[in-house]
C-alpha atoms as a PDB file:
ATOM      1  CA  MET A   1       9.864  -7.436  32.493  1.00  0.00           C
ATOM      2  CA  ILE A   2      12.313  -9.612  30.521  1.00  0.00           C
ATOM      3  CA  GLU A   3      13.902  -7.988  27.456  1.00  0.00           C
ATOM      4  CA  HIS A   4      15.560  -9.617  24.450  1.00  0.00           C
ATOM      5  CA  GLU A   5      17.955  -8.286  21.839  1.00  0.00           C
ATOM      6  CA  ILE A   6      16.676  -8.182  18.248  1.00  0.00           C
ATOM      7  CA  VAL A   7      18.940  -7.995  15.206  1.00  0.00           C
ATOM      8  CA  LEU A   8      17.349  -6.985  11.896  1.00  0.00           C
ATOM      9  CA  GLU A   9      18.945  -8.309   8.722  1.00  0.00           C
ATOM     10  CA  PRO A  10      20.399  -7.284   6.352  1.00  0.00           C
ATOM     11  CA  SER A  11      20.821  -3.867   8.019  1.00  0.00           C
ATOM     12  CA  GLY A  12      22.354  -5.196  11.262  1.00  0.00           C
ATOM     13  CA  THR A  13      20.147  -2.839  13.301  1.00  0.00           C
ATOM     14  CA  ARG A  14      19.959  -3.865  16.970  1.00  0.00           C
ATOM     15  CA  PHE A  15      17.380  -2.971  19.626  1.00  0.00           C
ATOM     16  CA  ARG A  16      15.758  -4.491  22.684  1.00  0.00           C
ATOM     17  CA  VAL A  17      12.158  -5.648  23.067  1.00  0.00           C
ATOM     18  CA  ARG A  18      10.205  -6.562  26.186  1.00  0.00           C
ATOM     19  CA  GLU A  19       8.282  -9.831  26.126  1.00  0.00           C
ATOM     20  CA  ASP A  20       4.972  -7.948  26.353  1.00  0.00           C
ATOM     21  CA  GLN A  21       5.774  -5.833  23.258  1.00  0.00           C
ATOM     22  CA  SER A  22       5.542  -6.595  19.578  1.00  0.00           C
ATOM     23  CA  ILE A  23       8.638  -6.289  17.384  1.00  0.00           C
ATOM     24  CA  VAL A  24       7.078  -3.415  15.425  1.00  0.00           C
ATOM     25  CA  GLU A  25       5.905  -1.540  18.523  1.00  0.00           C
ATOM     26  CA  ALA A  26       9.343  -1.622  20.143  1.00  0.00           C
ATOM     27  CA  ALA A  27      11.154  -0.691  16.931  1.00  0.00           C
ATOM     28  CA  LEU A  28       8.967   2.363  16.374  1.00  0.00           C
ATOM     29  CA  GLU A  29       9.339   3.467  20.001  1.00  0.00           C
ATOM     30  CA  GLN A  30      13.100   3.473  19.484  1.00  0.00           C
ATOM     31  CA  GLY A  31      12.995   5.404  16.226  1.00  0.00           C
ATOM     32  CA  ILE A  32      13.641   2.421  13.942  1.00  0.00           C
ATOM     33  CA  ALA A  33      11.535   2.689  10.776  1.00  0.00           C
ATOM     34  CA  ILE A  34      10.728  -1.003  10.450  1.00  0.00           C
ATOM     35  CA  HIS A  35       8.451  -1.572   7.474  1.00  0.00           C
ATOM     36  CA  HIS A  36       4.825  -1.886   8.601  1.00  0.00           C
ATOM     37  CA  GLY A  37       1.298  -0.821   7.760  1.00  0.00           C
ATOM     38  CA  CYS A  38      -1.780  -1.097   9.965  1.00  0.00           C
ATOM     39  CA  GLY A  39      -0.041  -2.245  13.146  1.00  0.00           C
ATOM     40  CA  ASN A  40      -2.863  -4.615  14.093  1.00  0.00           C
ATOM     41  CA  GLY A  41      -2.316  -7.736  12.006  1.00  0.00           C
ATOM     42  CA  SER A  42      -4.624  -6.932   9.110  1.00  0.00           C
ATOM     43  CA  CYS A  43      -2.423  -5.840   6.201  1.00  0.00           C
ATOM     44  CA  GLY A  44       0.703  -8.021   6.285  1.00  0.00           C
ATOM     45  CA  ASP A  45       3.143  -5.256   5.344  1.00  0.00           C
ATOM     46  CA  CYS A  46       5.309  -6.076   8.377  1.00  0.00           C
ATOM     47  CA  LYS A  47       5.864  -9.666   7.271  1.00  0.00           C
ATOM     48  CA  GLY A  48       9.364 -10.846   8.134  1.00  0.00           C
ATOM     49  CA  THR A  49      11.333 -14.074   8.554  1.00  0.00           C
ATOM     50  CA  ILE A  50      12.508 -15.419  11.903  1.00  0.00           C
ATOM     51  CA  LEU A  51      16.063 -16.563  11.161  1.00  0.00           C
ATOM     52  CA  GLU A  52      17.017 -17.419  14.742  1.00  0.00           C
ATOM     53  CA  GLY A  53      15.145 -17.479  18.051  1.00  0.00           C
ATOM     54  CA  GLU A  54      11.638 -17.994  19.385  1.00  0.00           C
ATOM     55  CA  ILE A  55       8.520 -15.823  19.292  1.00  0.00           C
ATOM     56  CA  THR A  56       4.907 -15.939  20.386  1.00  0.00           C
ATOM     57  CA  GLN A  57       2.742 -15.153  17.377  1.00  0.00           C
ATOM     58  CA  LEU A  58      -0.435 -13.361  18.490  1.00  0.00           C
ATOM     59  CA  PRO A  59      -3.627 -13.635  16.381  1.00  0.00           C
ATOM     60  CA  PHE A  60      -3.636 -11.937  12.993  1.00  0.00           C
ATOM     61  CA  MET A  61      -5.658 -12.168   9.800  1.00  0.00           C
ATOM     62  CA  PRO A  62      -5.030 -15.812   8.736  1.00  0.00           C
ATOM     63  CA  LEU A  63      -4.840 -15.071   5.013  1.00  0.00           C
ATOM     64  CA  LEU A  64      -1.657 -13.049   5.472  1.00  0.00           C
ATOM     65  CA  LEU A  65       0.544 -16.147   5.657  1.00  0.00           C
ATOM     66  CA  THR A  66       0.270 -19.206   3.454  1.00  0.00           C
ATOM     67  CA  PRO A  67       1.059 -22.629   4.959  1.00  0.00           C
ATOM     68  CA  GLU A  68       4.345 -22.600   3.047  1.00  0.00           C
ATOM     69  CA  GLU A  69       5.286 -19.211   4.522  1.00  0.00           C
ATOM     70  CA  ARG A  70       4.493 -20.351   8.049  1.00  0.00           C
ATOM     71  CA  ALA A  71       6.673 -23.428   7.551  1.00  0.00           C
ATOM     72  CA  SER A  72       9.557 -21.273   6.304  1.00  0.00           C
ATOM     73  CA  GLY A  73       9.559 -19.057   9.413  1.00  0.00           C
ATOM     74  CA  LYS A  74       7.562 -16.094   8.137  1.00  0.00           C
ATOM     75  CA  ALA A  75       5.860 -14.027  10.842  1.00  0.00           C
ATOM     76  CA  ILE A  76       3.631 -10.972  11.159  1.00  0.00           C
ATOM     77  CA  LEU A  77       5.922  -8.754  13.197  1.00  0.00           C
ATOM     78  CA  CYS A  78       3.291  -6.366  14.572  1.00  0.00           C
ATOM     79  CA  LYS A  79       1.801  -9.438  16.280  1.00  0.00           C
ATOM     80  CA  ALA A  80       5.085 -11.157  17.221  1.00  0.00           C
ATOM     81  CA  GLN A  81       6.480 -11.017  20.758  1.00  0.00           C
ATOM     82  CA  PRO A  82      10.007 -12.271  21.553  1.00  0.00           C
ATOM     83  CA  ARG A  83      10.724 -15.237  23.812  1.00  0.00           C
ATOM     84  CA  SER A  84      14.471 -15.225  23.183  1.00  0.00           C
ATOM     85  CA  SER A  85      17.084 -13.179  21.356  1.00  0.00           C
ATOM     86  CA  LEU A  86      16.102 -12.961  17.690  1.00  0.00           C
ATOM     87  CA  ARG A  87      17.630 -12.505  14.281  1.00  0.00           C
ATOM     88  CA  ILE A  88      14.968 -11.392  11.818  1.00  0.00           C
ATOM     89  CA  ALA A  89      14.984 -10.632   8.104  1.00  0.00           C
ATOM     90  CA  ALA A  90      12.910  -7.440   7.870  1.00  0.00           C
ATOM     91  CA  LYS A  91      12.885  -4.278   5.812  1.00  0.00           C
ATOM     92  CA  ILE A  92      13.691  -0.858   7.247  1.00  0.00           C
ATOM     93  CA  ASP A  93      12.049   2.021   5.414  1.00  0.00           C
ATOM     94  CA  THR A  94      14.005   5.009   4.221  1.00  0.00           C
ATOM     95  CA  ALA A  95      13.396   8.296   5.974  1.00  0.00           C
ATOM     96  CA  GLU A  96      12.185   9.919   2.748  1.00  0.00           C
ATOM     97  CA  GLN A  97       9.018  11.940   3.176  1.00  0.00           C
ATOM     98  CA  TRP A  98       6.863  14.097   0.949  1.00  0.00           C
ATOM     99  CA  GLN A  99       5.340  17.440   1.808  1.00  0.00           C
ATOM    100  CA  GLY A 100       1.784  17.973   0.674  1.00  0.00           C
ATOM    101  CA  ARG A 101      -0.872  20.648   0.829  1.00  0.00           C
ATOM    102  CA  VAL A 102      -4.622  20.180   1.220  1.00  0.00           C
ATOM    103  CA  GLU A 103      -6.052  21.297  -2.106  1.00  0.00           C
ATOM    104  CA  SER A 104      -9.656  20.128  -1.769  1.00  0.00           C
ATOM    105  CA  LEU A 105     -12.103  18.881   0.860  1.00  0.00           C
ATOM    106  CA  CYS A 106     -15.277  17.476  -0.671  1.00  0.00           C
ATOM    107  CA  PRO A 107     -17.974  15.514   1.207  1.00  0.00           C
ATOM    108  CA  LEU A 108     -18.901  12.458  -0.867  1.00  0.00           C
ATOM    109  CA  GLY A 109     -21.761  11.438   1.408  1.00  0.00           C
ATOM    110  CA  GLU A 110     -22.793  11.624   5.024  1.00  0.00           C
ATOM    111  CA  THR A 111     -19.722   9.778   6.311  1.00  0.00           C
ATOM    112  CA  VAL A 112     -17.060  10.021   3.570  1.00  0.00           C
ATOM    113  CA  MET A 113     -14.779  12.932   2.723  1.00  0.00           C
ATOM    114  CA  GLU A 114     -12.635  13.227  -0.384  1.00  0.00           C
ATOM    115  CA  LEU A 115      -9.262  14.680   0.525  1.00  0.00           C
ATOM    116  CA  ILE A 116      -7.066  15.868  -2.355  1.00  0.00           C
ATOM    117  CA  ILE A 117      -3.425  16.526  -1.547  1.00  0.00           C
ATOM    118  CA  GLN A 118      -1.058  18.369  -3.856  1.00  0.00           C
ATOM    119  CA  CYS A 119       2.433  16.916  -3.403  1.00  0.00           C
ATOM    120  CA  ASP A 120       5.574  19.020  -3.564  1.00  0.00           C
ATOM    121  CA  ARG A 121       7.197  16.660  -6.090  1.00  0.00           C
ATOM    122  CA  PRO A 122       6.403  13.429  -7.977  1.00  0.00           C
ATOM    123  CA  TYR A 123       5.037  10.718  -5.672  1.00  0.00           C
ATOM    124  CA  PRO A 124       5.767   7.251  -7.138  1.00  0.00           C
ATOM    125  CA  TYR A 125       3.170   4.543  -6.532  1.00  0.00           C
ATOM    126  CA  ARG A 126       1.099   1.861  -8.237  1.00  0.00           C
ATOM    127  CA  ALA A 127      -2.663   2.012  -8.621  1.00  0.00           C
ATOM    128  CA  GLY A 128      -4.104   0.292  -5.525  1.00  0.00           C
ATOM    129  CA  GLN A 129      -1.321   1.120  -3.060  1.00  0.00           C
ATOM    130  CA  TYR A 130      -1.655   3.297   0.029  1.00  0.00           C
ATOM    131  CA  ALA A 131       0.198   6.151   1.718  1.00  0.00           C
ATOM    132  CA  ARG A 132       0.825   6.849   5.382  1.00  0.00           C
ATOM    133  CA  LEU A 133      -0.276  10.375   6.332  1.00  0.00           C
ATOM    134  CA  LYS A 134       1.002  12.124   9.444  1.00  0.00           C
ATOM    135  CA  ILE A 135      -1.799  13.402  11.651  1.00  0.00           C
ATOM    136  CA  PRO A 136      -1.413  17.198  11.808  1.00  0.00           C
ATOM    137  CA  GLY A 137      -0.586  18.409  15.295  1.00  0.00           C
ATOM    138  CA  GLU A 138       0.577  14.983  16.501  1.00  0.00           C
ATOM    139  CA  THR A 139       4.236  14.204  17.231  1.00  0.00           C
ATOM    140  CA  ASN A 140       4.586  10.809  15.564  1.00  0.00           C
ATOM    141  CA  ALA A 141       1.126   9.503  14.689  1.00  0.00           C
ATOM    142  CA  TRP A 142       0.372   8.248  11.194  1.00  0.00           C
ATOM    143  CA  ARG A 143      -2.628   6.703   9.455  1.00  0.00           C
ATOM    144  CA  SER A 144      -2.774   4.661   6.241  1.00  0.00           C
ATOM    145  CA  TYR A 145      -5.142   5.494   3.381  1.00  0.00           C
ATOM    146  CA  SER A 146      -5.316   4.181  -0.181  1.00  0.00           C
ATOM    147  CA  MET A 147      -5.020   6.504  -3.132  1.00  0.00           C
ATOM    148  CA  ALA A 148      -8.318   6.673  -5.039  1.00  0.00           C
ATOM    149  CA  ASN A 149      -6.686   7.736  -8.304  1.00  0.00           C
ATOM    150  CA  ALA A 150      -4.040   6.257 -10.551  1.00  0.00           C
ATOM    151  CA  PRO A 151      -0.684   8.086 -10.775  1.00  0.00           C
ATOM    152  CA  ARG A 152      -1.004  11.387 -12.633  1.00  0.00           C
ATOM    153  CA  GLU A 153       1.428  14.012 -13.827  1.00  0.00           C
ATOM    154  CA  ASP A 154      -0.212  16.734 -11.714  1.00  0.00           C
ATOM    155  CA  GLN A 155       1.140  15.200  -8.436  1.00  0.00           C
ATOM    156  CA  ARG A 156      -2.345  15.168  -6.883  1.00  0.00           C
ATOM    157  CA  LEU A 157      -3.416  12.308  -4.615  1.00  0.00           C
ATOM    158  CA  HIS A 158      -7.107  11.605  -3.948  1.00  0.00           C
ATOM    159  CA  PHE A 159      -8.279   9.839  -0.776  1.00  0.00           C
ATOM    160  CA  HIS A 160     -11.730   8.663   0.380  1.00  0.00           C
ATOM    161  CA  ILE A 161     -11.755   8.846   4.181  1.00  0.00           C
ATOM    162  CA  ARG A 162     -14.619   7.631   6.335  1.00  0.00           C
ATOM    163  CA  LYS A 163     -15.516   9.416   9.537  1.00  0.00           C
ATOM    164  CA  VAL A 164     -14.582   7.125  12.418  1.00  0.00           C
ATOM    165  CA  PRO A 165     -15.806   7.961  15.944  1.00  0.00           C
ATOM    166  CA  GLY A 166     -12.715   8.780  17.986  1.00  0.00           C
ATOM    167  CA  GLY A 167     -10.433   8.515  14.946  1.00  0.00           C
ATOM    168  CA  LYS A 168      -7.658  11.090  15.277  1.00  0.00           C
ATOM    169  CA  PHE A 169      -7.127  11.660  11.574  1.00  0.00           C
ATOM    170  CA  SER A 170     -10.774  11.643  10.532  1.00  0.00           C
ATOM    171  CA  GLU A 171     -11.664  13.937  13.461  1.00  0.00           C
ATOM    172  CA  TRP A 172      -9.070  16.423  12.229  1.00  0.00           C
ATOM    173  CA  LEU A 173     -10.251  16.038   8.648  1.00  0.00           C
ATOM    174  CA  PHE A 174     -13.969  16.523   9.339  1.00  0.00           C
ATOM    175  CA  THR A 175     -13.706  19.260  11.966  1.00  0.00           C
ATOM    176  CA  ARG A 176     -10.487  21.269  11.601  1.00  0.00           C
ATOM    177  CA  ALA A 177      -8.867  20.702   8.207  1.00  0.00           C
ATOM    178  CA  GLN A 178      -8.681  23.688   5.868  1.00  0.00           C
ATOM    179  CA  ILE A 179      -7.562  24.299   2.312  1.00  0.00           C
ATOM    180  CA  GLY A 180      -3.850  25.019   2.321  1.00  0.00           C
ATOM    181  CA  ASP A 181      -3.039  22.962   5.420  1.00  0.00           C
ATOM    182  CA  GLU A 182       0.305  21.199   5.161  1.00  0.00           C
ATOM    183  CA  ILE A 183       0.518  17.442   5.550  1.00  0.00           C
ATOM    184  CA  VAL A 184       3.425  14.970   5.524  1.00  0.00           C
ATOM    185  CA  LEU A 185       3.344  11.664   3.623  1.00  0.00           C
ATOM    186  CA  SER A 186       5.599   8.624   3.737  1.00  0.00           C
ATOM    187  CA  GLY A 187       6.379   6.588   0.629  1.00  0.00           C
ATOM    188  CA  ALA A 188       3.755   4.373  -0.995  1.00  0.00           C
ATOM    189  CA  GLN A 189       3.260   0.919   0.481  1.00  0.00           C
ATOM    190  CA  GLY A 190       1.377  -2.324  -0.033  1.00  0.00           C
ATOM    191  CA  ASP A 191       1.256  -5.328  -2.359  1.00  0.00           C
ATOM    192  CA  PHE A 192      -2.283  -4.505  -3.482  1.00  0.00           C
ATOM    193  CA  TYR A 193      -1.930  -3.058  -6.980  1.00  0.00           C
ATOM    194  CA  LEU A 194      -3.059  -3.745 -10.527  1.00  0.00           C
ATOM    195  CA  ARG A 195      -1.251  -6.701 -12.083  1.00  0.00           C
ATOM    196  CA  THR A 196      -0.418  -6.038 -15.717  1.00  0.00           C
ATOM    197  CA  GLU A 197       1.401  -9.272 -16.622  1.00  0.00           C
ATOM    198  CA  ASN A 198      -1.720 -11.196 -17.691  1.00  0.00           C
ATOM    199  CA  GLU A 199      -4.886 -10.603 -19.707  1.00  0.00           C
ATOM    200  CA  ARG A 200      -7.499 -12.046 -17.360  1.00  0.00           C
ATOM    201  CA  PRO A 201     -10.835 -10.278 -16.863  1.00  0.00           C
ATOM    202  CA  LEU A 202     -11.153  -8.440 -13.559  1.00  0.00           C
ATOM    203  CA  LEU A 203     -13.417  -9.050 -10.583  1.00  0.00           C
ATOM    204  CA  CYS A 204     -13.352  -6.170  -8.101  1.00  0.00           C
ATOM    205  CA  ILE A 205     -15.112  -6.387  -4.726  1.00  0.00           C
ATOM    206  CA  ALA A 206     -15.200  -3.322  -2.487  1.00  0.00           C
ATOM    207  CA  ALA A 207     -16.860  -2.644   0.856  1.00  0.00           C
ATOM    208  CA  GLY A 208     -17.205   0.928   2.094  1.00  0.00           C
ATOM    209  CA  THR A 209     -14.180   3.112   1.355  1.00  0.00           C
ATOM    210  CA  GLY A 210     -12.500  -0.012  -0.002  1.00  0.00           C
ATOM    211  CA  LEU A 211     -13.887   1.488  -3.212  1.00  0.00           C
ATOM    212  CA  ALA A 212     -10.988   3.989  -3.223  1.00  0.00           C
ATOM    213  CA  PRO A 213      -8.143   1.725  -4.435  1.00  0.00           C
ATOM    214  CA  ILE A 214     -10.582  -0.075  -6.734  1.00  0.00           C
ATOM    215  CA  GLU A 215     -11.324   3.248  -8.448  1.00  0.00           C
ATOM    216  CA  ALA A 216      -7.568   3.764  -8.850  1.00  0.00           C
ATOM    217  CA  ILE A 217      -7.283   0.323 -10.453  1.00  0.00           C
ATOM    218  CA  LEU A 218     -10.180   1.081 -12.812  1.00  0.00           C
ATOM    219  CA  GLU A 219      -8.566   4.378 -13.808  1.00  0.00           C
ATOM    220  CA  GLU A 220      -5.235   2.694 -14.466  1.00  0.00           C
ATOM    221  CA  SER A 221      -6.859  -0.034 -16.577  1.00  0.00           C
ATOM    222  CA  ARG A 222      -8.454   2.663 -18.731  1.00  0.00           C
ATOM    223  CA  LYS A 223      -5.129   4.495 -19.127  1.00  0.00           C
ATOM    224  CA  LEU A 224      -3.617   1.205 -20.320  1.00  0.00           C
ATOM    225  CA  GLY A 225      -6.364   0.879 -22.929  1.00  0.00           C
ATOM    226  CA  TRP A 226      -7.690  -2.411 -21.552  1.00  0.00           C
ATOM    227  CA  ARG A 227     -10.944  -3.661 -23.039  1.00  0.00           C
ATOM    228  CA  ARG A 228     -11.225  -6.828 -20.972  1.00  0.00           C
ATOM    229  CA  SER A 229     -14.361  -7.526 -18.944  1.00  0.00           C
ATOM    230  CA  ILE A 230     -14.559  -5.864 -15.505  1.00  0.00           C
ATOM    231  CA  SER A 231     -17.137  -6.826 -12.869  1.00  0.00           C
ATOM    232  CA  LEU A 232     -17.370  -4.486  -9.886  1.00  0.00           C
ATOM    233  CA  TYR A 233     -19.326  -5.267  -6.702  1.00  0.00           C
ATOM    234  CA  PHE A 234     -19.637  -2.466  -4.159  1.00  0.00           C
ATOM    235  CA  GLY A 235     -21.408  -2.907  -0.839  1.00  0.00           C
ATOM    236  CA  VAL A 236     -22.163  -1.031   2.387  1.00  0.00           C
ATOM    237  CA  ARG A 237     -24.138  -1.814   5.522  1.00  0.00           C
ATOM    238  CA  ASN A 238     -25.748   1.597   6.019  1.00  0.00           C
ATOM    239  CA  ARG A 239     -27.386   3.935   3.532  1.00  0.00           C
ATOM    240  CA  ARG A 240     -25.319   6.876   4.811  1.00  0.00           C
ATOM    241  CA  ASP A 241     -22.116   5.121   3.699  1.00  0.00           C
ATOM    242  CA  LEU A 242     -23.142   4.995   0.029  1.00  0.00           C
ATOM    243  CA  TYR A 243     -21.146   7.316  -2.193  1.00  0.00           C
ATOM    244  CA  HIS A 244     -19.902   7.797  -5.774  1.00  0.00           C
ATOM    245  CA  LEU A 245     -22.897   5.992  -7.288  1.00  0.00           C
ATOM    246  CA  ASP A 246     -23.043   8.730  -9.925  1.00  0.00           C
ATOM    247  CA  VAL A 247     -19.359   8.212 -10.687  1.00  0.00           C
ATOM    248  CA  LEU A 248     -19.858   4.460 -11.101  1.00  0.00           C
ATOM    249  CA  GLU A 249     -22.811   5.033 -13.403  1.00  0.00           C
ATOM    250  CA  GLU A 250     -20.762   7.417 -15.549  1.00  0.00           C
ATOM    251  CA  LEU A 251     -17.991   4.837 -15.758  1.00  0.00           C
ATOM    252  CA  ARG A 252     -20.476   2.157 -16.782  1.00  0.00           C
ATOM    253  CA  GLN A 253     -21.822   4.347 -19.582  1.00  0.00           C
ATOM    254  CA  GLU A 254     -18.316   5.212 -20.792  1.00  0.00           C
ATOM    255  CA  ARG A 255     -16.944   1.672 -20.652  1.00  0.00           C
ATOM    256  CA  SER A 256     -18.991  -1.073 -22.271  1.00  0.00           C
ATOM    257  CA  GLU A 257     -16.736  -3.710 -20.679  1.00  0.00           C
ATOM    258  CA  LEU A 258     -17.675  -2.598 -17.135  1.00  0.00           C
ATOM    259  CA  ARG A 259     -20.680  -3.820 -15.180  1.00  0.00           C
ATOM    260  CA  PHE A 260     -21.308  -3.052 -11.547  1.00  0.00           C
ATOM    261  CA  SER A 261     -23.598  -4.036  -8.722  1.00  0.00           C
ATOM    262  CA  VAL A 262     -24.267  -2.036  -5.557  1.00  0.00           C
ATOM    263  CA  SER A 263     -25.588  -3.715  -2.413  1.00  0.00           C
ATOM    264  CA  CYS A 264     -26.855  -2.182   0.826  1.00  0.00           C
ATOM    265  CA  SER A 265     -28.110  -4.184   3.803  1.00  0.00           C
ATOM    266  CA  ASP A 266     -29.621  -1.213   5.690  1.00  0.00           C
ATOM    267  CA  PRO A 267     -33.138  -2.349   6.754  1.00  0.00           C
ATOM    268  CA  GLU A 268     -34.295   1.281   6.842  1.00  0.00           C
ATOM    269  CA  LEU A 269     -33.699   1.606   3.112  1.00  0.00           C
ATOM    270  CA  LEU A 270     -37.143   0.304   2.158  1.00  0.00           C
ATOM    271  CA  ARG A 271     -37.108   1.138  -1.563  1.00  0.00           C
ATOM    272  CA  TRP A 272     -33.729  -0.366  -2.352  1.00  0.00           C
ATOM    273  CA  SER A 273     -33.986  -2.295  -5.640  1.00  0.00           C
ATOM    274  CA  GLY A 274     -30.475  -3.773  -5.689  1.00  0.00           C
ATOM    275  CA  PRO A 275     -29.079  -6.710  -3.754  1.00  0.00           C
ATOM    276  CA  ARG A 276     -29.005  -6.469   0.012  1.00  0.00           C
ATOM    277  CA  ARG A 277     -25.781  -8.387   0.649  1.00  0.00           C
ATOM    278  CA  LEU A 278     -22.460  -8.054  -1.107  1.00  0.00           C
ATOM    279  CA  LEU A 279     -21.006 -11.563  -1.211  1.00  0.00           C
ATOM    280  CA  PRO A 280     -24.244 -13.430  -2.060  1.00  0.00           C
ATOM    281  CA  ALA A 281     -24.499 -11.079  -5.047  1.00  0.00           C
ATOM    282  CA  VAL A 282     -20.978 -12.082  -6.105  1.00  0.00           C
ATOM    283  CA  ALA A 283     -21.747 -15.782  -5.664  1.00  0.00           C
ATOM    284  CA  ALA A 284     -24.990 -15.606  -7.621  1.00  0.00           C
ATOM    285  CA  GLU A 285     -23.831 -13.756 -10.708  1.00  0.00           C
ATOM    286  CA  GLY A 286     -20.743 -15.364 -12.121  1.00  0.00           C
ATOM    287  CA  HIS A 287     -18.111 -18.044 -12.483  1.00  0.00           C
ATOM    288  CA  TRP A 288     -14.876 -16.390 -11.484  1.00  0.00           C
ATOM    289  CA  GLN A 289     -12.174 -19.053 -11.987  1.00  0.00           C
ATOM    290  CA  GLU A 290     -10.565 -17.207 -14.903  1.00  0.00           C
ATOM    291  CA  HIS A 291     -10.621 -13.758 -13.259  1.00  0.00           C
ATOM    292  CA  GLU A 292      -7.945 -11.699 -11.548  1.00  0.00           C
ATOM    293  CA  VAL A 293      -9.611 -10.694  -8.286  1.00  0.00           C
ATOM    294  CA  TYR A 294      -9.147  -7.519  -6.223  1.00  0.00           C
ATOM    295  CA  LEU A 295     -10.761  -7.354  -2.756  1.00  0.00           C
ATOM    296  CA  CYS A 296     -10.786  -4.345  -0.460  1.00  0.00           C
ATOM    297  CA  GLY A 297     -12.711  -3.812   2.765  1.00  0.00           C
ATOM    298  CA  SER A 298     -12.793  -4.968   6.362  1.00  0.00           C
ATOM    299  CA  PRO A 299     -10.769  -8.031   7.408  1.00  0.00           C
ATOM    300  CA  GLY A 300     -14.001  -9.983   7.919  1.00  0.00           C
ATOM    301  CA  MET A 301     -15.243  -9.204   4.421  1.00  0.00           C
ATOM    302  CA  VAL A 302     -11.886 -10.036   2.850  1.00  0.00           C
ATOM    303  CA  GLU A 303     -11.684 -13.385   4.668  1.00  0.00           C
ATOM    304  CA  ALA A 304     -15.254 -14.324   3.754  1.00  0.00           C
ATOM    305  CA  ALA A 305     -14.792 -13.272   0.130  1.00  0.00           C
ATOM    306  CA  THR A 306     -11.551 -15.235  -0.181  1.00  0.00           C
ATOM    307  CA  ASP A 307     -13.188 -18.353   1.280  1.00  0.00           C
ATOM    308  CA  LEU A 308     -16.081 -17.943  -1.168  1.00  0.00           C
ATOM    309  CA  LEU A 309     -13.815 -17.535  -4.188  1.00  0.00           C
ATOM    310  CA  LEU A 310     -11.560 -20.437  -3.239  1.00  0.00           C
ATOM    311  CA  SER A 311     -14.637 -22.643  -2.846  1.00  0.00           C
ATOM    312  CA  HIS A 312     -15.647 -21.621  -6.382  1.00  0.00           C
ATOM    313  CA  GLY A 313     -12.302 -22.737  -7.773  1.00  0.00           C
ATOM    314  CA  VAL A 314     -10.459 -19.415  -8.030  1.00  0.00           C
ATOM    315  CA  PRO A 315      -6.706 -20.056  -7.587  1.00  0.00           C
ATOM    316  CA  HIS A 316      -5.215 -18.369  -4.525  1.00  0.00           C
ATOM    317  CA  GLU A 317      -2.552 -16.610  -6.607  1.00  0.00           C
ATOM    318  CA  GLN A 318      -5.283 -14.779  -8.571  1.00  0.00           C
ATOM    319  CA  ILE A 319      -6.739 -13.195  -5.418  1.00  0.00           C
ATOM    320  CA  HIS A 320      -5.259  -9.893  -4.231  1.00  0.00           C
ATOM    321  CA  PHE A 321      -6.570  -8.071  -1.173  1.00  0.00           C
ATOM    322  CA  ASP A 322      -6.191  -5.075   1.091  1.00  0.00           C
ATOM    323  CA  SER A 323      -8.029  -5.084   4.409  1.00  0.00           C
ATOM    324  CA  PHE A 324      -9.074  -1.910   6.199  1.00  0.00           C
ATOM    325  CA  SER A 325      -9.255  -1.730   9.978  1.00  0.00           C
ATOM    326  CA  PRO A 326      -8.649   0.964  12.625  1.00  0.00           C
ATOM    327  CA  SER A 327      -4.981   1.634  13.227  1.00  0.00           C
ATOM    328  CA  ALA A 328      -3.385   0.272  16.366  1.00  0.00           C
END
């Protein structure tokens, strides 16, 4: 198989990549901590710029690159395969890691576990970002999960983790994890976080455990003393995936500026009085052009929600998203 030399700028790091490998895959195999997230073209954290050379760009979530970025040579490096020697502008992460300890394991529903980790020292992040957690017992396997709480002085991080059939981390969490287990975390990542530079009302749309970073954003907005309008739409497909409805109701009673809607499309849930589908509920209940929008869920939901909002006149720069999908 043909190999090509890759040079990462500004670090000058050099390594070789086969034509059937992605840039990210080859870098990680060779111990180079190239900045990345999901590894499957859903999050965009591995976005880089092709300065010289040719690539084949495999399919990724289209929203990750604007037309202007594509024209300027931006690429999603976990889905980029080399076709020549390359010079790429890309970030290399520092080797800094945090040690944590499992402080609490609390089932939030039939398929969701709340994991609380006590960090060994302050863990800097913004409300909405995610951490990469090393799978206990694995040599170099990590999974990404969003913090469900805003930064706090107690150094505790809350995560909402859904049980995924065959998922290495969730299998460990639901079957073998114990209080006191040690766990390693990388630094916080992601461009999904609460924007504080404007005073727009908020529209938050969450599917499944996409509720986690939304809860962190809500907590941070309360800490900042915001009284602006907040509309939260939370949806799941199956009844067993519903969780934290009591928490949302408590928030609604505490905060007069917050209203929320919960949708569930499970046909077996015969007595459901709320909306059945998430995005039709969003479309039916408001004009969102003046809102700052936060979307979190599957890539399909995020794409559909973005298309809906753009068609309703919401400017692209007011839409922020984080898409969840199984790690590559």
